[in-house]
Amino acid sequence: MIDYSPFWETLKNSSETTYSLINKHHISSAIIDKLRKNKPMNTTTLNDLCRILDCQLQDIAQYIPSDKDQML
């Protein structure tokens, strides 16, 4: 499972807010909702968040093994 809890800490330590992400950087409120609910999103969006927050991917997301992961 991809977990976005690192995003919230990175956002807290930045000069950005969810408001500025939506209104200044045009990140949709649906993306913010996906981050809150650990829902899938595309890598272009992750790239945009890394660029906006000047951080690395691991500062936004982490992989946590889960029994809910689809079978391979």
C-alpha atoms as a PDB file:
ATOM      1  CA  MET A   1       0.000   0.000   0.000  1.00  0.00           C
ATOM      2  CA  ILE A   2       1.238   3.474  -0.803  1.00  0.00           C
ATOM      3  CA  ASP A   3       0.940   5.724   2.229  1.00  0.00           C
ATOM      4  CA  TYR A   4       0.987   9.503   1.900  1.00  0.00           C
ATOM      5  CA  SER A   5       1.497  10.371   5.565  1.00  0.00           C
ATOM      6  CA  PRO A   6       5.005  11.758   4.825  1.00  0.00           C
ATOM      7  CA  PHE A   7       3.328  14.341   2.568  1.00  0.00           C
ATOM      8  CA  TRP A   8       1.510  15.931   5.495  1.00  0.00           C
ATOM      9  CA  GLU A   9       4.697  16.339   7.519  1.00  0.00           C
ATOM     10  CA  THR A  10       6.528  17.746   4.486  1.00  0.00           C
ATOM     11  CA  LEU A  11       3.667  20.156   3.829  1.00  0.00           C
ATOM     12  CA  LYS A  12       3.637  21.231   7.489  1.00  0.00           C
ATOM     13  CA  ASN A  13       7.370  22.012   7.318  1.00  0.00           C
ATOM     14  CA  SER A  14       7.045  23.980   4.075  1.00  0.00           C
ATOM     15  CA  SER A  15       5.737  27.453   3.356  1.00  0.00           C
ATOM     16  CA  GLU A  16       2.803  25.933   1.444  1.00  0.00           C
ATOM     17  CA  THR A  17      -0.685  24.968   2.610  1.00  0.00           C
ATOM     18  CA  THR A  18      -3.448  22.930   1.034  1.00  0.00           C
ATOM     19  CA  TYR A  19      -5.030  26.283   0.153  1.00  0.00           C
ATOM     20  CA  SER A  20      -1.921  27.450  -1.713  1.00  0.00           C
ATOM     21  CA  LEU A  21      -1.553  24.083  -3.447  1.00  0.00           C
ATOM     22  CA  ILE A  22      -5.091  24.412  -4.771  1.00  0.00           C
ATOM     23  CA  ASN A  23      -5.207  28.136  -5.537  1.00  0.00           C
ATOM     24  CA  LYS A  24      -1.610  29.040  -6.393  1.00  0.00           C
ATOM     25  CA  HIS A  25      -0.311  25.782  -7.882  1.00  0.00           C
ATOM     26  CA  HIS A  26      -3.598  24.466  -9.323  1.00  0.00           C
ATOM     27  CA  ILE A  27      -3.486  21.110  -7.552  1.00  0.00           C
ATOM     28  CA  SER A  28      -7.082  19.903  -7.547  1.00  0.00           C
ATOM     29  CA  SER A  29      -9.017  19.391  -4.352  1.00  0.00           C
ATOM     30  CA  ALA A  30      -9.572  15.806  -5.584  1.00  0.00           C
ATOM     31  CA  ILE A  31      -5.802  15.236  -5.358  1.00  0.00           C
ATOM     32  CA  ILE A  32      -5.754  16.579  -1.800  1.00  0.00           C
ATOM     33  CA  ASP A  33      -8.584  14.164  -1.013  1.00  0.00           C
ATOM     34  CA  LYS A  34      -6.603  11.266  -2.560  1.00  0.00           C
ATOM     35  CA  LEU A  35      -3.637  12.185  -0.371  1.00  0.00           C
ATOM     36  CA  ARG A  36      -5.857  12.198   2.710  1.00  0.00           C
ATOM     37  CA  LYS A  37      -7.338   8.791   1.854  1.00  0.00           C
ATOM     38  CA  ASN A  38      -4.161   7.111   0.493  1.00  0.00           C
ATOM     39  CA  LYS A  39      -5.804   6.622  -2.896  1.00  0.00           C
ATOM     40  CA  PRO A  40      -3.810   5.966  -6.091  1.00  0.00           C
ATOM     41  CA  MET A  41      -2.571   8.913  -8.143  1.00  0.00           C
ATOM     42  CA  ASN A  42      -0.356   9.255 -11.181  1.00  0.00           C
ATOM     43  CA  THR A  43       3.359   9.905 -11.137  1.00  0.00           C
ATOM     44  CA  THR A  44       2.954  13.244 -12.912  1.00  0.00           C
ATOM     45  CA  THR A  45       1.070  14.523  -9.873  1.00  0.00           C
ATOM     46  CA  LEU A  46       3.746  13.165  -7.532  1.00  0.00           C
ATOM     47  CA  ASN A  47       6.366  14.878  -9.683  1.00  0.00           C
ATOM     48  CA  ASP A  48       4.460  18.182  -9.441  1.00  0.00           C
ATOM     49  CA  LEU A  49       4.212  17.894  -5.655  1.00  0.00           C
ATOM     50  CA  CYS A  50       7.953  17.180  -5.360  1.00  0.00           C
ATOM     51  CA  ARG A  51       8.711  20.207  -7.531  1.00  0.00           C
ATOM     52  CA  ILE A  52       6.350  22.508  -5.604  1.00  0.00           C
ATOM     53  CA  LEU A  53       7.573  21.360  -2.188  1.00  0.00           C
ATOM     54  CA  ASP A  54      11.220  21.034  -3.307  1.00  0.00           C
ATOM     55  CA  CYS A  55      11.479  17.543  -1.891  1.00  0.00           C
ATOM     56  CA  GLN A  56      12.110  13.908  -2.796  1.00  0.00           C
ATOM     57  CA  LEU A  57       9.464  11.266  -3.476  1.00  0.00           C
ATOM     58  CA  GLN A  58      10.061   9.632  -0.087  1.00  0.00           C
ATOM     59  CA  ASP A  59       9.067  12.957   1.489  1.00  0.00           C
ATOM     60  CA  ILE A  60       5.596  12.483  -0.007  1.00  0.00           C
ATOM     61  CA  ALA A  61       4.946   8.746  -0.159  1.00  0.00           C
ATOM     62  CA  GLN A  62       6.132   5.462   1.284  1.00  0.00           C
ATOM     63  CA  TYR A  63       5.367   1.831   0.569  1.00  0.00           C
ATOM     64  CA  ILE A  64       3.939  -0.205   3.420  1.00  0.00           C
ATOM     65  CA  PRO A  65       3.321  -3.935   2.781  1.00  0.00           C
ATOM     66  CA  SER A  66      -0.321  -4.805   3.334  1.00  0.00           C
ATOM     67  CA  ASP A  67      -2.578  -7.850   3.190  1.00  0.00           C
ATOM     68  CA  LYS A  68      -4.885  -5.664   1.079  1.00  0.00           C
ATOM     69  CA  ASP A  69      -2.344  -5.434  -1.760  1.00  0.00           C
ATOM     70  CA  GLN A  70      -3.505  -7.176  -4.913  1.00  0.00           C
ATOM     71  CA  MET A  71      -2.157 -10.654  -5.511  1.00  0.00           C
ATOM     72  CA  LEU A  72       0.697 -10.953  -8.020  1.00  0.00           C
END
